[in-house]
């Protein structure tokens, strides 16, 4: 029991250090790598809660638009831009025609091209627009739900697409079915505590994004990479935020 608890705690620490910039200490010789993905839903919810708290704290003083910008900025900063980088690299790959190897080389280039820049700008604008029309409590709920479901969608993508390369994160990262199930259940339950309808809608969005990115990755890249995993997270986040904003506007 003690060993299992240590592994679980190691996994939690690894999940936090991988998904955020928070420097949590991880034991030397830890063996929690296999359990880390099971914590992604909970860590994602925490990331969303942090960004949501920024919105809630700043909205009364600065208004919804500035608060939304600050919340998105917090979302990017706490993750170190890890997932946004994946979105930009995948967008740059879209500009490469009929050459799989060249696409993969472009995605490894640290420089961001015009497609990548455009994708990041559009992502940020849509996130800000979707959040700016929400109340503080609504924005918090949307960010928690989007961030939690986004990490679950990435795990689904990891299971649904084989690695495109023989090295890199896409090759080494393969969550167990148990971890995927735990993350999905955790993400859904956290979201359902805030709004059951929103949780169901967000879960469907996560499934669709994971399926779409997996199909695109297999067809154009030969499989998944670390960048496609990151892109899955941020695409899910923005679509969930927009969907929940639409649901809020349509409700009486």
C-alpha atoms as a PDB file:
ATOM      1  CA  UNK A   1       0.000   0.000   0.000  1.00  0.00           C
ATOM      2  CA  UNK A   2       2.797   2.410   0.884  1.00  0.00           C
ATOM      3  CA  UNK A   3       4.633   1.637  -2.358  1.00  0.00           C
ATOM      4  CA  UNK A   4       1.449   2.167  -4.401  1.00  0.00           C
ATOM      5  CA  UNK A   5       0.854   5.491  -2.674  1.00  0.00           C
ATOM      6  CA  UNK A   6       4.425   6.582  -3.416  1.00  0.00           C
ATOM      7  CA  UNK A   7       3.994   5.659  -7.078  1.00  0.00           C
ATOM      8  CA  UNK A   8       0.736   7.595  -7.241  1.00  0.00           C
ATOM      9  CA  UNK A   9       2.327  10.663  -5.655  1.00  0.00           C
ATOM     10  CA  UNK A  10       5.307  10.378  -7.987  1.00  0.00           C
ATOM     11  CA  UNK A  11       2.896  10.223 -10.899  1.00  0.00           C
ATOM     12  CA  UNK A  12       1.085  13.329  -9.681  1.00  0.00           C
ATOM     13  CA  UNK A  13       4.375  15.199  -9.349  1.00  0.00           C
ATOM     14  CA  UNK A  14       5.451  14.160 -12.824  1.00  0.00           C
ATOM     15  CA  UNK A  15       2.119  15.227 -14.294  1.00  0.00           C
ATOM     16  CA  UNK A  16       2.422  18.673 -12.730  1.00  0.00           C
ATOM     17  CA  UNK A  17       6.042  19.181 -13.779  1.00  0.00           C
ATOM     18  CA  UNK A  18       5.329  18.040 -17.345  1.00  0.00           C
ATOM     19  CA  UNK A  19       2.115  19.994 -17.921  1.00  0.00           C
ATOM     20  CA  UNK A  20       3.120  23.167 -16.083  1.00  0.00           C
ATOM     21  CA  UNK A  21       6.187  25.228 -15.238  1.00  0.00           C
ATOM     22  CA  UNK A  22       5.762  24.558 -11.513  1.00  0.00           C
ATOM     23  CA  UNK A  23       9.035  23.112 -10.152  1.00  0.00           C
ATOM     24  CA  UNK A  24       7.743  20.332  -7.941  1.00  0.00           C
ATOM     25  CA  UNK A  25      10.441  18.035  -6.540  1.00  0.00           C
ATOM     26  CA  UNK A  26      10.396  14.500  -7.953  1.00  0.00           C
ATOM     27  CA  UNK A  27      12.168  11.696  -6.125  1.00  0.00           C
ATOM     28  CA  UNK A  28      15.314  10.301  -7.687  1.00  0.00           C
ATOM     29  CA  UNK A  29      14.670   6.829  -9.047  1.00  0.00           C
ATOM     30  CA  UNK A  30      10.917   7.422  -9.066  1.00  0.00           C
ATOM     31  CA  UNK A  31       8.679   4.859 -10.721  1.00  0.00           C
ATOM     32  CA  UNK A  32       5.536   6.906 -11.198  1.00  0.00           C
ATOM     33  CA  UNK A  33       5.880   7.612 -14.927  1.00  0.00           C
ATOM     34  CA  UNK A  34       3.230   5.072 -15.806  1.00  0.00           C
ATOM     35  CA  UNK A  35       0.682   6.615 -13.457  1.00  0.00           C
ATOM     36  CA  UNK A  36       1.364  10.250 -14.430  1.00  0.00           C
ATOM     37  CA  UNK A  37      -1.187  10.417 -17.292  1.00  0.00           C
ATOM     38  CA  UNK A  38      -3.940   9.371 -14.894  1.00  0.00           C
ATOM     39  CA  UNK A  39      -3.482  12.748 -13.187  1.00  0.00           C
ATOM     40  CA  UNK A  40      -3.744  14.815 -16.378  1.00  0.00           C
ATOM     41  CA  UNK A  41      -7.453  15.526 -15.977  1.00  0.00           C
ATOM     42  CA  UNK A  42      -7.028  16.806 -12.439  1.00  0.00           C
ATOM     43  CA  UNK A  43      -3.923  18.826 -13.306  1.00  0.00           C
ATOM     44  CA  UNK A  44      -5.743  20.251 -16.315  1.00  0.00           C
ATOM     45  CA  UNK A  45      -8.625  21.285 -14.092  1.00  0.00           C
ATOM     46  CA  UNK A  46      -6.149  23.038 -11.796  1.00  0.00           C
ATOM     47  CA  UNK A  47      -4.629  24.886 -14.750  1.00  0.00           C
ATOM     48  CA  UNK A  48      -8.084  26.018 -15.822  1.00  0.00           C
ATOM     49  CA  UNK A  49      -8.950  27.052 -12.272  1.00  0.00           C
ATOM     50  CA  UNK A  50      -5.823  29.200 -12.085  1.00  0.00           C
ATOM     51  CA  UNK A  51      -6.641  30.957 -15.359  1.00  0.00           C
ATOM     52  CA  UNK A  52     -10.256  31.309 -14.276  1.00  0.00           C
ATOM     53  CA  UNK A  53      -9.271  32.891 -10.982  1.00  0.00           C
ATOM     54  CA  UNK A  54      -7.294  35.503 -12.913  1.00  0.00           C
ATOM     55  CA  UNK A  55     -10.436  36.323 -14.887  1.00  0.00           C
ATOM     56  CA  UNK A  56     -12.622  36.450 -11.784  1.00  0.00           C
ATOM     57  CA  UNK A  57     -10.180  38.676  -9.896  1.00  0.00           C
ATOM     58  CA  UNK A  58      -9.580  41.162 -12.718  1.00  0.00           C
ATOM     59  CA  UNK A  59     -13.018  41.375 -14.344  1.00  0.00           C
ATOM     60  CA  UNK A  60     -14.632  43.714 -11.767  1.00  0.00           C
ATOM     61  CA  UNK A  61     -11.727  46.154 -12.023  1.00  0.00           C
ATOM     62  CA  UNK A  62     -10.729  45.964 -15.689  1.00  0.00           C
ATOM     63  CA  UNK A  63     -13.795  44.703 -17.503  1.00  0.00           C
ATOM     64  CA  UNK A  64     -14.434  41.393 -19.293  1.00  0.00           C
ATOM     65  CA  UNK A  65     -12.229  41.954 -22.334  1.00  0.00           C
ATOM     66  CA  UNK A  66      -9.042  42.719 -20.403  1.00  0.00           C
ATOM     67  CA  UNK A  67      -9.863  39.980 -17.904  1.00  0.00           C
ATOM     68  CA  UNK A  68     -10.193  37.481 -20.751  1.00  0.00           C
ATOM     69  CA  UNK A  69      -6.821  38.512 -22.160  1.00  0.00           C
ATOM     70  CA  UNK A  70      -5.195  38.104 -18.759  1.00  0.00           C
ATOM     71  CA  UNK A  71      -6.829  34.706 -18.250  1.00  0.00           C
ATOM     72  CA  UNK A  72      -5.542  33.440 -21.601  1.00  0.00           C
ATOM     73  CA  UNK A  73      -2.118  34.850 -20.789  1.00  0.00           C
ATOM     74  CA  UNK A  74      -2.155  32.980 -17.467  1.00  0.00           C
ATOM     75  CA  UNK A  75      -3.170  29.791 -19.284  1.00  0.00           C
ATOM     76  CA  UNK A  76      -0.183  30.116 -21.617  1.00  0.00           C
ATOM     77  CA  UNK A  77       2.308  31.125 -18.942  1.00  0.00           C
ATOM     78  CA  UNK A  78       1.501  28.368 -16.460  1.00  0.00           C
ATOM     79  CA  UNK A  79       2.019  25.744 -19.171  1.00  0.00           C
ATOM     80  CA  UNK A  80       5.076  27.405 -20.640  1.00  0.00           C
ATOM     81  CA  UNK A  81       3.344  27.644 -24.030  1.00  0.00           C
ATOM     82  CA  UNK A  82       3.901  23.898 -24.432  1.00  0.00           C
ATOM     83  CA  UNK A  83       0.658  23.158 -26.237  1.00  0.00           C
ATOM     84  CA  UNK A  84       0.498  26.403 -28.212  1.00  0.00           C
ATOM     85  CA  UNK A  85       3.873  25.524 -29.711  1.00  0.00           C
ATOM     86  CA  UNK A  86       2.369  22.263 -30.934  1.00  0.00           C
ATOM     87  CA  UNK A  87      -0.525  24.106 -32.566  1.00  0.00           C
ATOM     88  CA  UNK A  88       1.861  26.472 -34.356  1.00  0.00           C
ATOM     89  CA  UNK A  89       4.043  23.635 -35.634  1.00  0.00           C
ATOM     90  CA  UNK A  90       1.048  21.670 -36.897  1.00  0.00           C
ATOM     91  CA  UNK A  91      -0.263  24.780 -38.666  1.00  0.00           C
ATOM     92  CA  UNK A  92       3.099  25.295 -40.352  1.00  0.00           C
ATOM     93  CA  UNK A  93       2.964  21.677 -41.538  1.00  0.00           C
ATOM     94  CA  UNK A  94      -0.291  22.499 -43.312  1.00  0.00           C
ATOM     95  CA  UNK A  95       1.673  24.752 -45.634  1.00  0.00           C
ATOM     96  CA  UNK A  96       3.820  21.876 -46.871  1.00  0.00           C
ATOM     97  CA  UNK A  97       2.329  20.018 -49.842  1.00  0.00           C
ATOM     98  CA  UNK A  98       2.643  16.274 -50.494  1.00  0.00           C
ATOM     99  CA  UNK A  99       5.877  15.651 -48.608  1.00  0.00           C
ATOM    100  CA  UNK A 100       5.568  13.830 -45.277  1.00  0.00           C
ATOM    101  CA  UNK A 101       9.238  13.982 -44.355  1.00  0.00           C
ATOM    102  CA  UNK A 102       9.421  17.683 -45.062  1.00  0.00           C
ATOM    103  CA  UNK A 103       6.350  18.286 -42.925  1.00  0.00           C
ATOM    104  CA  UNK A 104       8.042  16.529 -40.024  1.00  0.00           C
ATOM    105  CA  UNK A 105      11.200  18.595 -40.526  1.00  0.00           C
ATOM    106  CA  UNK A 106       9.189  21.818 -40.557  1.00  0.00           C
ATOM    107  CA  UNK A 107       7.490  20.808 -37.319  1.00  0.00           C
ATOM    108  CA  UNK A 108      10.874  20.346 -35.645  1.00  0.00           C
ATOM    109  CA  UNK A 109      12.103  23.766 -36.774  1.00  0.00           C
ATOM    110  CA  UNK A 110      12.048  26.068 -33.699  1.00  0.00           C
ATOM    111  CA  UNK A 111      11.110  29.038 -35.893  1.00  0.00           C
ATOM    112  CA  UNK A 112       7.396  29.756 -36.326  1.00  0.00           C
ATOM    113  CA  UNK A 113       6.178  30.369 -39.868  1.00  0.00           C
ATOM    114  CA  UNK A 114       3.268  32.422 -41.149  1.00  0.00           C
ATOM    115  CA  UNK A 115       0.746  29.592 -40.784  1.00  0.00           C
ATOM    116  CA  UNK A 116       1.837  28.990 -37.208  1.00  0.00           C
ATOM    117  CA  UNK A 117       1.635  32.671 -36.324  1.00  0.00           C
ATOM    118  CA  UNK A 118      -1.827  32.940 -37.832  1.00  0.00           C
ATOM    119  CA  UNK A 119      -2.995  29.858 -35.917  1.00  0.00           C
ATOM    120  CA  UNK A 120      -1.779  31.260 -32.595  1.00  0.00           C
ATOM    121  CA  UNK A 121      -3.381  34.651 -33.208  1.00  0.00           C
ATOM    122  CA  UNK A 122      -6.700  33.052 -34.156  1.00  0.00           C
ATOM    123  CA  UNK A 123      -6.585  30.732 -31.142  1.00  0.00           C
ATOM    124  CA  UNK A 124      -5.961  33.630 -28.769  1.00  0.00           C
ATOM    125  CA  UNK A 125      -8.647  35.823 -30.350  1.00  0.00           C
ATOM    126  CA  UNK A 126     -11.248  33.060 -30.187  1.00  0.00           C
ATOM    127  CA  UNK A 127     -10.369  32.213 -26.587  1.00  0.00           C
ATOM    128  CA  UNK A 128     -10.598  35.861 -25.526  1.00  0.00           C
ATOM    129  CA  UNK A 129     -13.867  36.367 -27.424  1.00  0.00           C
ATOM    130  CA  UNK A 130     -15.411  33.250 -25.908  1.00  0.00           C
ATOM    131  CA  UNK A 131     -14.433  34.209 -22.369  1.00  0.00           C
ATOM    132  CA  UNK A 132     -15.191  37.936 -22.546  1.00  0.00           C
ATOM    133  CA  UNK A 133     -18.944  37.340 -22.796  1.00  0.00           C
ATOM    134  CA  UNK A 134     -19.063  35.145 -19.680  1.00  0.00           C
ATOM    135  CA  UNK A 135     -19.647  36.038 -16.068  1.00  0.00           C
ATOM    136  CA  UNK A 136     -16.740  35.371 -13.681  1.00  0.00           C
ATOM    137  CA  UNK A 137     -18.283  32.096 -12.526  1.00  0.00           C
ATOM    138  CA  UNK A 138     -19.058  31.116 -16.108  1.00  0.00           C
ATOM    139  CA  UNK A 139     -15.510  31.838 -17.240  1.00  0.00           C
ATOM    140  CA  UNK A 140     -14.066  29.794 -14.380  1.00  0.00           C
ATOM    141  CA  UNK A 141     -16.333  26.861 -15.226  1.00  0.00           C
ATOM    142  CA  UNK A 142     -15.483  27.111 -18.926  1.00  0.00           C
ATOM    143  CA  UNK A 143     -11.720  27.196 -18.333  1.00  0.00           C
ATOM    144  CA  UNK A 144     -11.743  24.338 -15.828  1.00  0.00           C
ATOM    145  CA  UNK A 145     -13.858  22.192 -18.151  1.00  0.00           C
ATOM    146  CA  UNK A 146     -11.863  23.063 -21.283  1.00  0.00           C
ATOM    147  CA  UNK A 147      -8.465  22.478 -19.705  1.00  0.00           C
ATOM    148  CA  UNK A 148      -9.471  19.160 -18.120  1.00  0.00           C
ATOM    149  CA  UNK A 149     -11.167  17.764 -21.243  1.00  0.00           C
ATOM    150  CA  UNK A 150      -8.286  19.033 -23.397  1.00  0.00           C
ATOM    151  CA  UNK A 151      -5.789  16.814 -21.563  1.00  0.00           C
ATOM    152  CA  UNK A 152      -8.152  13.856 -21.860  1.00  0.00           C
ATOM    153  CA  UNK A 153      -8.436  14.433 -25.620  1.00  0.00           C
ATOM    154  CA  UNK A 154      -4.641  14.377 -25.912  1.00  0.00           C
ATOM    155  CA  UNK A 155      -4.509  10.975 -24.216  1.00  0.00           C
ATOM    156  CA  UNK A 156      -7.144   9.665 -26.609  1.00  0.00           C
ATOM    157  CA  UNK A 157      -5.087  10.946 -29.526  1.00  0.00           C
ATOM    158  CA  UNK A 158      -2.035   9.172 -28.132  1.00  0.00           C
ATOM    159  CA  UNK A 159      -3.983   5.898 -28.133  1.00  0.00           C
ATOM    160  CA  UNK A 160      -5.647   6.395 -31.527  1.00  0.00           C
ATOM    161  CA  UNK A 161      -2.565   7.266 -33.613  1.00  0.00           C
ATOM    162  CA  UNK A 162       0.763   5.452 -33.815  1.00  0.00           C
ATOM    163  CA  UNK A 163       4.020   7.426 -33.490  1.00  0.00           C
ATOM    164  CA  UNK A 164       5.192   9.141 -36.664  1.00  0.00           C
ATOM    165  CA  UNK A 165       8.857   9.063 -35.659  1.00  0.00           C
ATOM    166  CA  UNK A 166      11.207   6.588 -34.041  1.00  0.00           C
ATOM    167  CA  UNK A 167      12.175   9.180 -31.414  1.00  0.00           C
ATOM    168  CA  UNK A 168      10.720  12.141 -29.565  1.00  0.00           C
ATOM    169  CA  UNK A 169       7.730  12.569 -27.287  1.00  0.00           C
ATOM    170  CA  UNK A 170       5.299  11.074 -29.761  1.00  0.00           C
ATOM    171  CA  UNK A 171       7.257   7.835 -29.668  1.00  0.00           C
ATOM    172  CA  UNK A 172       7.840   7.555 -25.933  1.00  0.00           C
ATOM    173  CA  UNK A 173       4.418   8.658 -24.735  1.00  0.00           C
ATOM    174  CA  UNK A 174       1.749   5.951 -24.654  1.00  0.00           C
ATOM    175  CA  UNK A 175      -0.707   6.177 -21.758  1.00  0.00           C
ATOM    176  CA  UNK A 176      -2.316   2.976 -20.539  1.00  0.00           C
ATOM    177  CA  UNK A 177      -6.000   2.361 -21.079  1.00  0.00           C
ATOM    178  CA  UNK A 178      -6.471   2.607 -17.327  1.00  0.00           C
ATOM    179  CA  UNK A 179      -4.823   6.048 -17.269  1.00  0.00           C
ATOM    180  CA  UNK A 180      -6.990   7.229 -20.153  1.00  0.00           C
ATOM    181  CA  UNK A 181     -10.100   5.989 -18.375  1.00  0.00           C
ATOM    182  CA  UNK A 182      -9.157   7.607 -15.072  1.00  0.00           C
ATOM    183  CA  UNK A 183      -8.353  10.908 -16.763  1.00  0.00           C
ATOM    184  CA  UNK A 184     -11.585  10.862 -18.734  1.00  0.00           C
ATOM    185  CA  UNK A 185     -13.651  10.078 -15.645  1.00  0.00           C
ATOM    186  CA  UNK A 186     -11.856  12.724 -13.586  1.00  0.00           C
ATOM    187  CA  UNK A 187     -12.229  15.401 -16.254  1.00  0.00           C
ATOM    188  CA  UNK A 188     -15.906  14.637 -16.736  1.00  0.00           C
ATOM    189  CA  UNK A 189     -16.698  14.546 -13.024  1.00  0.00           C
ATOM    190  CA  UNK A 190     -14.926  17.835 -12.358  1.00  0.00           C
ATOM    191  CA  UNK A 191     -16.811  19.438 -15.245  1.00  0.00           C
ATOM    192  CA  UNK A 192     -20.124  17.862 -14.170  1.00  0.00           C
ATOM    193  CA  UNK A 193     -19.783  19.345 -10.696  1.00  0.00           C
ATOM    194  CA  UNK A 194     -19.904  22.748 -12.384  1.00  0.00           C
ATOM    195  CA  UNK A 195     -22.490  22.024 -15.096  1.00  0.00           C
ATOM    196  CA  UNK A 196     -23.673  18.591 -16.248  1.00  0.00           C
ATOM    197  CA  UNK A 197     -24.835  19.779 -19.675  1.00  0.00           C
ATOM    198  CA  UNK A 198     -21.545  21.571 -20.258  1.00  0.00           C
ATOM    199  CA  UNK A 199     -19.631  18.457 -19.175  1.00  0.00           C
ATOM    200  CA  UNK A 200     -21.425  16.225 -21.675  1.00  0.00           C
ATOM    201  CA  UNK A 201     -20.978  18.770 -24.477  1.00  0.00           C
ATOM    202  CA  UNK A 202     -17.302  19.257 -23.670  1.00  0.00           C
ATOM    203  CA  UNK A 203     -16.697  15.513 -23.585  1.00  0.00           C
ATOM    204  CA  UNK A 204     -18.193  15.145 -27.057  1.00  0.00           C
ATOM    205  CA  UNK A 205     -15.972  17.977 -28.302  1.00  0.00           C
ATOM    206  CA  UNK A 206     -12.906  16.253 -26.860  1.00  0.00           C
ATOM    207  CA  UNK A 207     -13.799  12.979 -28.577  1.00  0.00           C
ATOM    208  CA  UNK A 208     -14.346  14.695 -31.925  1.00  0.00           C
ATOM    209  CA  UNK A 209     -11.122  16.722 -31.752  1.00  0.00           C
ATOM    210  CA  UNK A 210      -9.085  13.650 -30.782  1.00  0.00           C
ATOM    211  CA  UNK A 211     -10.600  11.687 -33.662  1.00  0.00           C
ATOM    212  CA  UNK A 212     -10.059  14.497 -36.176  1.00  0.00           C
ATOM    213  CA  UNK A 213      -6.444  15.199 -35.182  1.00  0.00           C
ATOM    214  CA  UNK A 214      -5.676  11.469 -35.149  1.00  0.00           C
ATOM    215  CA  UNK A 215      -7.089  11.044 -38.667  1.00  0.00           C
ATOM    216  CA  UNK A 216      -5.174  14.086 -39.944  1.00  0.00           C
ATOM    217  CA  UNK A 217      -1.945  12.953 -38.280  1.00  0.00           C
ATOM    218  CA  UNK A 218      -2.129   9.464 -39.753  1.00  0.00           C
ATOM    219  CA  UNK A 219      -2.876  10.761 -43.231  1.00  0.00           C
ATOM    220  CA  UNK A 220      -0.394  13.647 -43.455  1.00  0.00           C
ATOM    221  CA  UNK A 221       2.370  12.757 -40.987  1.00  0.00           C
ATOM    222  CA  UNK A 222       2.209   9.001 -40.665  1.00  0.00           C
ATOM    223  CA  UNK A 223       1.142   9.235 -37.017  1.00  0.00           C
ATOM    224  CA  UNK A 224       1.254  11.401 -33.943  1.00  0.00           C
ATOM    225  CA  UNK A 225       4.054  13.586 -32.614  1.00  0.00           C
ATOM    226  CA  UNK A 226       4.506  15.708 -29.526  1.00  0.00           C
ATOM    227  CA  UNK A 227       3.209  18.644 -31.556  1.00  0.00           C
ATOM    228  CA  UNK A 228      -0.040  16.903 -32.504  1.00  0.00           C
ATOM    229  CA  UNK A 229      -0.584  16.044 -28.847  1.00  0.00           C
ATOM    230  CA  UNK A 230      -0.210  19.711 -27.912  1.00  0.00           C
ATOM    231  CA  UNK A 231      -2.430  20.837 -30.765  1.00  0.00           C
ATOM    232  CA  UNK A 232      -5.132  18.451 -29.572  1.00  0.00           C
ATOM    233  CA  UNK A 233      -5.124  20.144 -26.170  1.00  0.00           C
ATOM    234  CA  UNK A 234      -5.477  23.720 -27.397  1.00  0.00           C
ATOM    235  CA  UNK A 235      -7.974  22.927 -30.158  1.00  0.00           C
ATOM    236  CA  UNK A 236     -10.166  21.181 -27.611  1.00  0.00           C
ATOM    237  CA  UNK A 237      -9.813  24.097 -25.198  1.00  0.00           C
ATOM    238  CA  UNK A 238     -10.893  26.754 -27.668  1.00  0.00           C
ATOM    239  CA  UNK A 239     -13.788  24.739 -29.080  1.00  0.00           C
ATOM    240  CA  UNK A 240     -15.079  23.911 -25.599  1.00  0.00           C
ATOM    241  CA  UNK A 241     -14.868  27.572 -24.539  1.00  0.00           C
ATOM    242  CA  UNK A 242     -16.750  28.653 -27.674  1.00  0.00           C
ATOM    243  CA  UNK A 243     -19.377  25.930 -27.350  1.00  0.00           C
ATOM    244  CA  UNK A 244     -20.051  26.744 -23.708  1.00  0.00           C
ATOM    245  CA  UNK A 245     -20.313  30.431 -24.564  1.00  0.00           C
ATOM    246  CA  UNK A 246     -22.886  29.569 -27.229  1.00  0.00           C
ATOM    247  CA  UNK A 247     -24.849  27.379 -24.802  1.00  0.00           C
ATOM    248  CA  UNK A 248     -24.847  30.171 -22.213  1.00  0.00           C
ATOM    249  CA  UNK A 249     -26.164  32.685 -24.748  1.00  0.00           C
ATOM    250  CA  UNK A 250     -28.937  30.357 -25.896  1.00  0.00           C
ATOM    251  CA  UNK A 251     -30.140  29.481 -22.410  1.00  0.00           C
ATOM    252  CA  UNK A 252     -33.108  31.480 -21.062  1.00  0.00           C
END
